[in-house]
Every structure is written in structure tokens, then in C-alpha cells.
PDB file of N, CA and C in Angstrom:
ATOM      1  N   UNK A   1      17.036  -1.649  53.968  1.00  0.00           N
ATOM      2  CA  UNK A   1      16.778  -1.121  52.574  1.00  0.00           C
ATOM      3  C   UNK A   1      15.515  -0.213  52.802  1.00  0.00           C
ATOM      4  N   UNK A   2      15.741   1.045  52.320  1.00  0.00           N
ATOM      5  CA  UNK A   2      14.383   1.931  52.600  1.00  0.00           C
ATOM      6  C   UNK A   2      13.560   1.899  51.612  1.00  0.00           C
ATOM      7  N   UNK A   3      12.263   2.652  51.553  1.00  0.00           N
ATOM      8  CA  UNK A   3      11.313   2.348  50.477  1.00  0.00           C
ATOM      9  C   UNK A   3      11.663   3.116  49.295  1.00  0.00           C
ATOM     10  N   UNK A   4      12.514   4.105  49.258  1.00  0.00           N
ATOM     11  CA  UNK A   4      12.996   4.623  48.110  1.00  0.00           C
ATOM     12  C   UNK A   4      13.759   3.795  47.204  1.00  0.00           C
ATOM     13  N   UNK A   5      14.782   3.112  47.897  1.00  0.00           N
ATOM     14  CA  UNK A   5      15.563   2.170  47.120  1.00  0.00           C
ATOM     15  C   UNK A   5      14.619   0.914  46.625  1.00  0.00           C
ATOM     16  N   UNK A   6      13.522   0.350  47.322  1.00  0.00           N
ATOM     17  CA  UNK A   6      12.626  -0.491  46.888  1.00  0.00           C
ATOM     18  C   UNK A   6      11.932  -0.108  45.611  1.00  0.00           C
ATOM     19  N   UNK A   7      11.426   1.180  45.772  1.00  0.00           N
ATOM     20  CA  UNK A   7      10.812   1.894  44.802  1.00  0.00           C
ATOM     21  C   UNK A   7      11.629   1.942  43.464  1.00  0.00           C
ATOM     22  N   UNK A   8      12.960   2.492  43.637  1.00  0.00           N
ATOM     23  CA  UNK A   8      13.771   2.464  42.362  1.00  0.00           C
ATOM     24  C   UNK A   8      13.917   1.001  41.984  1.00  0.00           C
ATOM     25  N   UNK A   9      14.207   0.137  42.748  1.00  0.00           N
ATOM     26  CA  UNK A   9      14.249  -1.222  41.984  1.00  0.00           C
ATOM     27  C   UNK A   9      13.101  -1.880  41.305  1.00  0.00           C
ATOM     28  N   UNK A  10      11.976  -1.461  41.904  1.00  0.00           N
ATOM     29  CA  UNK A  10      10.603  -1.777  41.218  1.00  0.00           C
ATOM     30  C   UNK A  10      10.550  -1.121  40.008  1.00  0.00           C
ATOM     31  N   UNK A  11      10.669  -0.014  39.766  1.00  0.00           N
ATOM     32  CA  UNK A  11      10.528   0.824  38.530  1.00  0.00           C
ATOM     33  C   UNK A  11      11.596   0.276  37.501  1.00  0.00           C
ATOM     34  N   UNK A  12      12.823  -0.155  37.990  1.00  0.00           N
ATOM     35  CA  UNK A  12      13.694  -0.621  36.996  1.00  0.00           C
ATOM     36  C   UNK A  12      13.478  -1.832  36.506  1.00  0.00           C
ATOM     37  N   UNK A  13      12.896  -2.589  37.378  1.00  0.00           N
ATOM     38  CA  UNK A  13      12.506  -4.084  36.990  1.00  0.00           C
ATOM     39  C   UNK A  13      11.146  -3.875  35.943  1.00  0.00           C
ATOM     40  N   UNK A  14      10.322  -2.950  36.296  1.00  0.00           N
ATOM     41  CA  UNK A  14       9.242  -2.898  35.470  1.00  0.00           C
ATOM     42  C   UNK A  14       9.471  -2.231  34.157  1.00  0.00           C
ATOM     43  N   UNK A  15      10.688  -1.344  34.127  1.00  0.00           N
ATOM     44  CA  UNK A  15      11.078  -0.954  32.863  1.00  0.00           C
ATOM     45  C   UNK A  15      11.722  -1.805  32.088  1.00  0.00           C
ATOM     46  N   UNK A  16      12.547  -2.699  32.609  1.00  0.00           N
ATOM     47  CA  UNK A  16      13.113  -3.916  31.901  1.00  0.00           C
ATOM     48  C   UNK A  16      12.219  -4.838  31.283  1.00  0.00           C
ATOM     49  N   UNK A  17      11.085  -5.059  32.076  1.00  0.00           N
ATOM     50  CA  UNK A  17      10.017  -5.984  31.530  1.00  0.00           C
ATOM     51  C   UNK A  17       9.191  -5.412  30.457  1.00  0.00           C
ATOM     52  N   UNK A  18       9.001  -4.090  30.612  1.00  0.00           N
ATOM     53  CA  UNK A  18       8.443  -3.341  29.409  1.00  0.00           C
ATOM     54  C   UNK A  18       9.263  -3.312  28.077  1.00  0.00           C
ATOM     55  N   UNK A  19      10.586  -3.174  28.379  1.00  0.00           N
ATOM     56  CA  UNK A  19      11.397  -3.381  27.249  1.00  0.00           C
ATOM     57  C   UNK A  19      11.301  -4.604  26.478  1.00  0.00           C
ATOM     58  N   UNK A  20      11.361  -5.725  27.304  1.00  0.00           N
ATOM     59  CA  UNK A  20      11.350  -6.964  26.634  1.00  0.00           C
ATOM     60  C   UNK A  20      10.083  -7.320  26.023  1.00  0.00           C
ATOM     61  N   UNK A  21       9.027  -6.818  26.668  1.00  0.00           N
ATOM     62  CA  UNK A  21       7.784  -6.844  25.926  1.00  0.00           C
ATOM     63  C   UNK A  21       7.694  -6.060  24.764  1.00  0.00           C
ATOM     64  N   UNK A  22       8.191  -4.834  24.591  1.00  0.00           N
ATOM     65  CA  UNK A  22       8.177  -4.117  23.531  1.00  0.00           C
ATOM     66  C   UNK A  22       8.952  -4.863  22.265  1.00  0.00           C
ATOM     67  N   UNK A  23      10.113  -5.559  22.526  1.00  0.00           N
ATOM     68  CA  UNK A  23      11.101  -6.108  21.787  1.00  0.00           C
ATOM     69  C   UNK A  23      10.127  -7.408  21.280  1.00  0.00           C
ATOM     70  N   UNK A  24       9.452  -8.310  22.117  1.00  0.00           N
ATOM     71  CA  UNK A  24       8.649  -9.145  21.611  1.00  0.00           C
ATOM     72  C   UNK A  24       7.826  -8.883  20.736  1.00  0.00           C
ATOM     73  N   UNK A  25       6.897  -7.992  20.864  1.00  0.00           N
ATOM     74  CA  UNK A  25       5.898  -7.285  20.137  1.00  0.00           C
ATOM     75  C   UNK A  25       6.412  -7.083  18.665  1.00  0.00           C
ATOM     76  N   UNK A  26       7.706  -6.364  18.776  1.00  0.00           N
ATOM     77  CA  UNK A  26       8.372  -5.965  17.455  1.00  0.00           C
ATOM     78  C   UNK A  26       8.716  -7.116  16.714  1.00  0.00           C
ATOM     79  N   UNK A  27       9.228  -8.201  17.317  1.00  0.00           N
ATOM     80  CA  UNK A  27       9.605  -9.444  16.703  1.00  0.00           C
ATOM     81  C   UNK A  27       8.453 -10.309  16.155  1.00  0.00           C
ATOM     82  N   UNK A  28       7.324 -10.171  16.740  1.00  0.00           N
ATOM     83  CA  UNK A  28       6.165 -10.816  16.258  1.00  0.00           C
ATOM     84  C   UNK A  28       5.712  -9.851  15.032  1.00  0.00           C
ATOM     85  N   UNK A  29       5.601  -8.656  14.901  1.00  0.00           N
ATOM     86  CA  UNK A  29       5.191  -7.975  13.856  1.00  0.00           C
ATOM     87  C   UNK A  29       6.198  -8.222  12.796  1.00  0.00           C
ATOM     88  N   UNK A  30       7.254  -8.142  13.000  1.00  0.00           N
ATOM     89  CA  UNK A  30       8.442  -8.375  11.931  1.00  0.00           C
ATOM     90  C   UNK A  30       8.046  -9.601  11.139  1.00  0.00           C
ATOM     91  N   UNK A  31       7.880 -10.729  11.936  1.00  0.00           N
ATOM     92  CA  UNK A  31       7.717 -12.005  11.585  1.00  0.00           C
ATOM     93  C   UNK A  31       6.323 -12.194  10.668  1.00  0.00           C
ATOM     94  N   UNK A  32       5.345 -11.505  11.254  1.00  0.00           N
ATOM     95  CA  UNK A  32       4.134 -11.490  10.604  1.00  0.00           C
ATOM     96  C   UNK A  32       4.080 -10.663   9.036  1.00  0.00           C
ATOM     97  N   UNK A  33       4.812  -9.505   9.226  1.00  0.00           N
ATOM     98  CA  UNK A  33       5.071  -8.898   7.925  1.00  0.00           C
ATOM     99  C   UNK A  33       6.053  -9.652   6.964  1.00  0.00           C
ATOM    100  N   UNK A  34       6.855 -10.338   7.512  1.00  0.00           N
ATOM    101  CA  UNK A  34       7.864 -11.078   6.577  1.00  0.00           C
ATOM    102  C   UNK A  34       7.049 -12.236   5.844  1.00  0.00           C
ATOM    103  N   UNK A  35       6.216 -12.950   6.891  1.00  0.00           N
ATOM    104  CA  UNK A  35       5.449 -14.004   6.274  1.00  0.00           C
ATOM    105  C   UNK A  35       4.573 -13.414   5.220  1.00  0.00           C
ATOM    106  N   UNK A  36       3.695 -12.270   5.309  1.00  0.00           N
ATOM    107  CA  UNK A  36       2.864 -11.824   4.414  1.00  0.00           C
ATOM    108  C   UNK A  36       3.572 -11.457   3.300  1.00  0.00           C
ATOM    109  N   UNK A  37       4.674 -10.762   3.272  1.00  0.00           N
ATOM    110  CA  UNK A  37       5.502 -10.445   2.192  1.00  0.00           C
ATOM    111  C   UNK A  37       5.826 -11.679   1.204  1.00  0.00           C
ATOM    112  N   UNK A  38       6.421 -12.726   1.861  1.00  0.00           N
ATOM    113  CA  UNK A  38       6.675 -13.951   1.203  1.00  0.00           C
ATOM    114  C   UNK A  38       5.486 -14.736   0.527  1.00  0.00           C
ATOM    115  N   UNK A  39       4.256 -14.641   1.313  1.00  0.00           N
ATOM    116  CA  UNK A  39       3.274 -15.085   0.639  1.00  0.00           C
ATOM    117  C   UNK A  39       2.740 -14.473  -0.698  1.00  0.00           C
ATOM    118  N   UNK A  40       2.753 -13.155  -0.516  1.00  0.00           N
ATOM    119  CA  UNK A  40       2.460 -12.188  -1.727  1.00  0.00           C
ATOM    120  C   UNK A  40       3.405 -12.435  -2.883  1.00  0.00           C
ATOM    121  N   UNK A  41       4.694 -12.581  -2.547  1.00  0.00           N
ATOM    122  CA  UNK A  41       5.708 -12.955  -3.585  1.00  0.00           C
ATOM    123  C   UNK A  41       5.581 -14.167  -4.492  1.00  0.00           C
ATOM    124  N   UNK A  42       5.341 -15.362  -3.442  1.00  0.00           N
ATOM    125  CA  UNK A  42       5.151 -16.501  -3.991  1.00  0.00           C
ATOM    126  C   UNK A  42       3.735 -16.598  -4.862  1.00  0.00           C
ATOM    127  N   UNK A  43       2.661 -15.900  -4.378  1.00  0.00           N
ATOM    128  CA  UNK A  43       1.608 -15.666  -5.141  1.00  0.00           C
ATOM    129  C   UNK A  43       1.758 -15.109  -6.633  1.00  0.00           C
ATOM    130  N   UNK A  44       2.596 -14.143  -6.703  1.00  0.00           N
ATOM    131  CA  UNK A  44       2.980 -13.314  -7.757  1.00  0.00           C
ATOM    132  C   UNK A  44       3.794 -14.234  -8.826  1.00  0.00           C
ATOM    133  N   UNK A  45       4.732 -14.861  -8.202  1.00  0.00           N
ATOM    134  CA  UNK A  45       5.530 -15.957  -8.946  1.00  0.00           C
ATOM    135  C   UNK A  45       4.735 -16.871  -9.560  1.00  0.00           C
ATOM    136  N   UNK A  46       3.665 -17.468  -8.920  1.00  0.00           N
ATOM    137  CA  UNK A  46       2.760 -18.398  -9.277  1.00  0.00           C
ATOM    138  C   UNK A  46       2.006 -17.985 -10.476  1.00  0.00           C
ATOM    139  N   UNK A  47       1.351 -16.633 -10.235  1.00  0.00           N
ATOM    140  CA  UNK A  47       0.528 -16.118 -11.407  1.00  0.00           C
ATOM    141  C   UNK A  47       1.435 -15.808 -12.588  1.00  0.00           C
ATOM    142  N   UNK A  48       2.585 -15.633 -12.598  1.00  0.00           N
ATOM    143  CA  UNK A  48       3.403 -15.286 -13.656  1.00  0.00           C
ATOM    144  C   UNK A  48       3.769 -16.559 -14.306  1.00  0.00           C
ATOM    145  N   UNK A  49       4.012 -17.621 -13.553  1.00  0.00           N
ATOM    146  CA  UNK A  49       4.297 -18.951 -14.359  1.00  0.00           C
ATOM    147  C   UNK A  49       2.838 -19.326 -14.916  1.00  0.00           C
ATOM    148  N   UNK A  50       1.899 -19.265 -14.348  1.00  0.00           N
ATOM    149  CA  UNK A  50       0.497 -19.573 -14.836  1.00  0.00           C
ATOM    150  C   UNK A  50       0.165 -18.849 -16.138  1.00  0.00           C
ATOM    151  N   UNK A  51       0.539 -17.551 -16.295  1.00  0.00           N
ATOM    152  CA  UNK A  51       0.301 -16.856 -17.280  1.00  0.00           C
ATOM    153  C   UNK A  51       1.256 -17.121 -18.509  1.00  0.00           C
ATOM    154  N   UNK A  52       2.361 -17.278 -18.192  1.00  0.00           N
ATOM    155  CA  UNK A  52       3.124 -17.955 -19.238  1.00  0.00           C
ATOM    156  C   UNK A  52       2.780 -19.180 -19.840  1.00  0.00           C
ATOM    157  N   UNK A  53       2.231 -20.198 -19.028  1.00  0.00           N
ATOM    158  CA  UNK A  53       1.722 -21.368 -19.443  1.00  0.00           C
ATOM    159  C   UNK A  53       0.650 -21.169 -20.268  1.00  0.00           C
ATOM    160  N   UNK A  54      -0.388 -20.360 -20.026  1.00  0.00           N
ATOM    161  CA  UNK A  54      -1.464 -19.872 -20.643  1.00  0.00           C
ATOM    162  C   UNK A  54      -1.234 -19.289 -22.011  1.00  0.00           C
ATOM    163  N   UNK A  55      -0.301 -18.536 -21.993  1.00  0.00           N
ATOM    164  CA  UNK A  55       0.155 -17.714 -23.133  1.00  0.00           C
ATOM    165  C   UNK A  55       1.011 -18.605 -24.170  1.00  0.00           C
ATOM    166  N   UNK A  56       1.471 -19.815 -23.643  1.00  0.00           N
ATOM    167  CA  UNK A  56       2.220 -20.592 -24.689  1.00  0.00           C
ATOM    168  C   UNK A  56       3.598 -20.224 -24.615  1.00  0.00           C
ATOM    169  N   UNK A  57       4.065 -19.676 -23.513  1.00  0.00           N
ATOM    170  CA  UNK A  57       5.677 -19.469 -23.319  1.00  0.00           C
ATOM    171  C   UNK A  57       6.070 -18.072 -22.849  1.00  0.00           C
ATOM    172  N   UNK A  58       7.168 -17.511 -22.582  1.00  0.00           N
ATOM    173  CA  UNK A  58       7.508 -16.636 -22.095  1.00  0.00           C
ATOM    174  C   UNK A  58       7.533 -15.406 -23.148  1.00  0.00           C
ATOM    175  N   UNK A  59       8.023 -15.634 -24.458  1.00  0.00           N
ATOM    176  CA  UNK A  59       7.907 -14.536 -25.370  1.00  0.00           C
ATOM    177  C   UNK A  59       6.425 -14.150 -25.674  1.00  0.00           C
ATOM    178  N   UNK A  60       5.495 -15.269 -25.955  1.00  0.00           N
ATOM    179  CA  UNK A  60       4.030 -15.010 -26.194  1.00  0.00           C
ATOM    180  C   UNK A  60       3.615 -14.254 -24.954  1.00  0.00           C
ATOM    181  N   UNK A  61       4.037 -14.536 -23.888  1.00  0.00           N
ATOM    182  CA  UNK A  61       3.700 -13.937 -22.520  1.00  0.00           C
ATOM    183  C   UNK A  61       3.709 -12.468 -22.678  1.00  0.00           C
ATOM    184  N   UNK A  62       5.034 -12.068 -23.131  1.00  0.00           N
ATOM    185  CA  UNK A  62       5.509 -10.605 -23.116  1.00  0.00           C
ATOM    186  C   UNK A  62       4.534 -10.045 -24.268  1.00  0.00           C
ATOM    187  N   UNK A  63       4.396 -10.458 -25.404  1.00  0.00           N
ATOM    188  CA  UNK A  63       3.647 -10.044 -26.327  1.00  0.00           C
ATOM    189  C   UNK A  63       2.145  -9.696 -26.013  1.00  0.00           C
ATOM    190  N   UNK A  64       1.649 -10.528 -25.321  1.00  0.00           N
ATOM    191  CA  UNK A  64       0.424 -10.674 -24.801  1.00  0.00           C
ATOM    192  C   UNK A  64       0.211  -9.456 -23.766  1.00  0.00           C
ATOM    193  N   UNK A  65       1.105  -9.234 -23.024  1.00  0.00           N
ATOM    194  CA  UNK A  65       1.165  -8.309 -22.037  1.00  0.00           C
ATOM    195  C   UNK A  65       1.107  -6.902 -22.478  1.00  0.00           C
ATOM    196  N   UNK A  66       2.105  -6.706 -23.517  1.00  0.00           N
ATOM    197  CA  UNK A  66       2.377  -5.616 -24.357  1.00  0.00           C
ATOM    198  C   UNK A  66       0.901  -5.225 -25.144  1.00  0.00           C
ATOM    199  N   UNK A  67       0.264  -6.076 -25.549  1.00  0.00           N
ATOM    200  CA  UNK A  67      -0.883  -6.008 -26.437  1.00  0.00           C
ATOM    201  C   UNK A  67      -2.097  -5.271 -25.561  1.00  0.00           C
ATOM    202  N   UNK A  68      -2.092  -6.000 -24.086  1.00  0.00           N
ATOM    203  CA  UNK A  68      -3.217  -5.643 -23.050  1.00  0.00           C
ATOM    204  C   UNK A  68      -2.867  -4.223 -22.616  1.00  0.00           C
ATOM    205  N   UNK A  69      -1.596  -3.912 -22.443  1.00  0.00           N
ATOM    206  CA  UNK A  69      -1.262  -2.633 -21.929  1.00  0.00           C
ATOM    207  C   UNK A  69      -1.519  -1.479 -22.922  1.00  0.00           C
ATOM    208  N   UNK A  70      -1.423  -1.756 -24.173  1.00  0.00           N
ATOM    209  CA  UNK A  70      -1.442  -0.680 -25.130  1.00  0.00           C
ATOM    210  C   UNK A  70      -2.752  -0.811 -25.815  1.00  0.00           C
ATOM    211  N   UNK A  71      -3.747  -1.840 -25.381  1.00  0.00           N
ATOM    212  CA  UNK A  71      -5.168  -1.922 -25.882  1.00  0.00           C
ATOM    213  C   UNK A  71      -5.316  -2.261 -27.248  1.00  0.00           C
ATOM    214  N   UNK A  72      -4.268  -2.981 -27.808  1.00  0.00           N
ATOM    215  CA  UNK A  72      -4.215  -3.566 -29.289  1.00  0.00           C
ATOM    216  C   UNK A  72      -5.058  -4.870 -29.196  1.00  0.00           C
TER     217      UNK A  72
END
């Protein structure tokens, strides 16, 4: 095997390793984004439920929200 063939094989192996690394980084980023999104969504649902309980029910919650938005 000559040095050109060895160089090509080394470059191909390095390229494949780089692709795997990029794929792993993308998966980690996607997972972190998904966890963050789910956390924010769960917090929003908890806040809505807490607001409904505090207002005395869903209908009262909607009326209170409408009053707050319109400055009544």
C-alpha cells in the first residue's frame, strides 16, 4: 500500500468520525431543546391550573383575564 492510499483512508476515517460527532451533537441539542420545551409547557399548564383554582373556576378565570386585558 502506498502513502496516497493510506492518506485517503485516513481522511475517509476522519471524515466518518466527524460526521458521527456532528450527529451526536445534533442529537444532544435536540434532546436539550425538547426537555426545555416540555418544561416550559408543563410550567404553563401548572400556572393555568393555579390561576383557575385561584379565580374560582374556569369561567371566572376567563372573566378575570378579560378584565385584566381590557383594564376594567
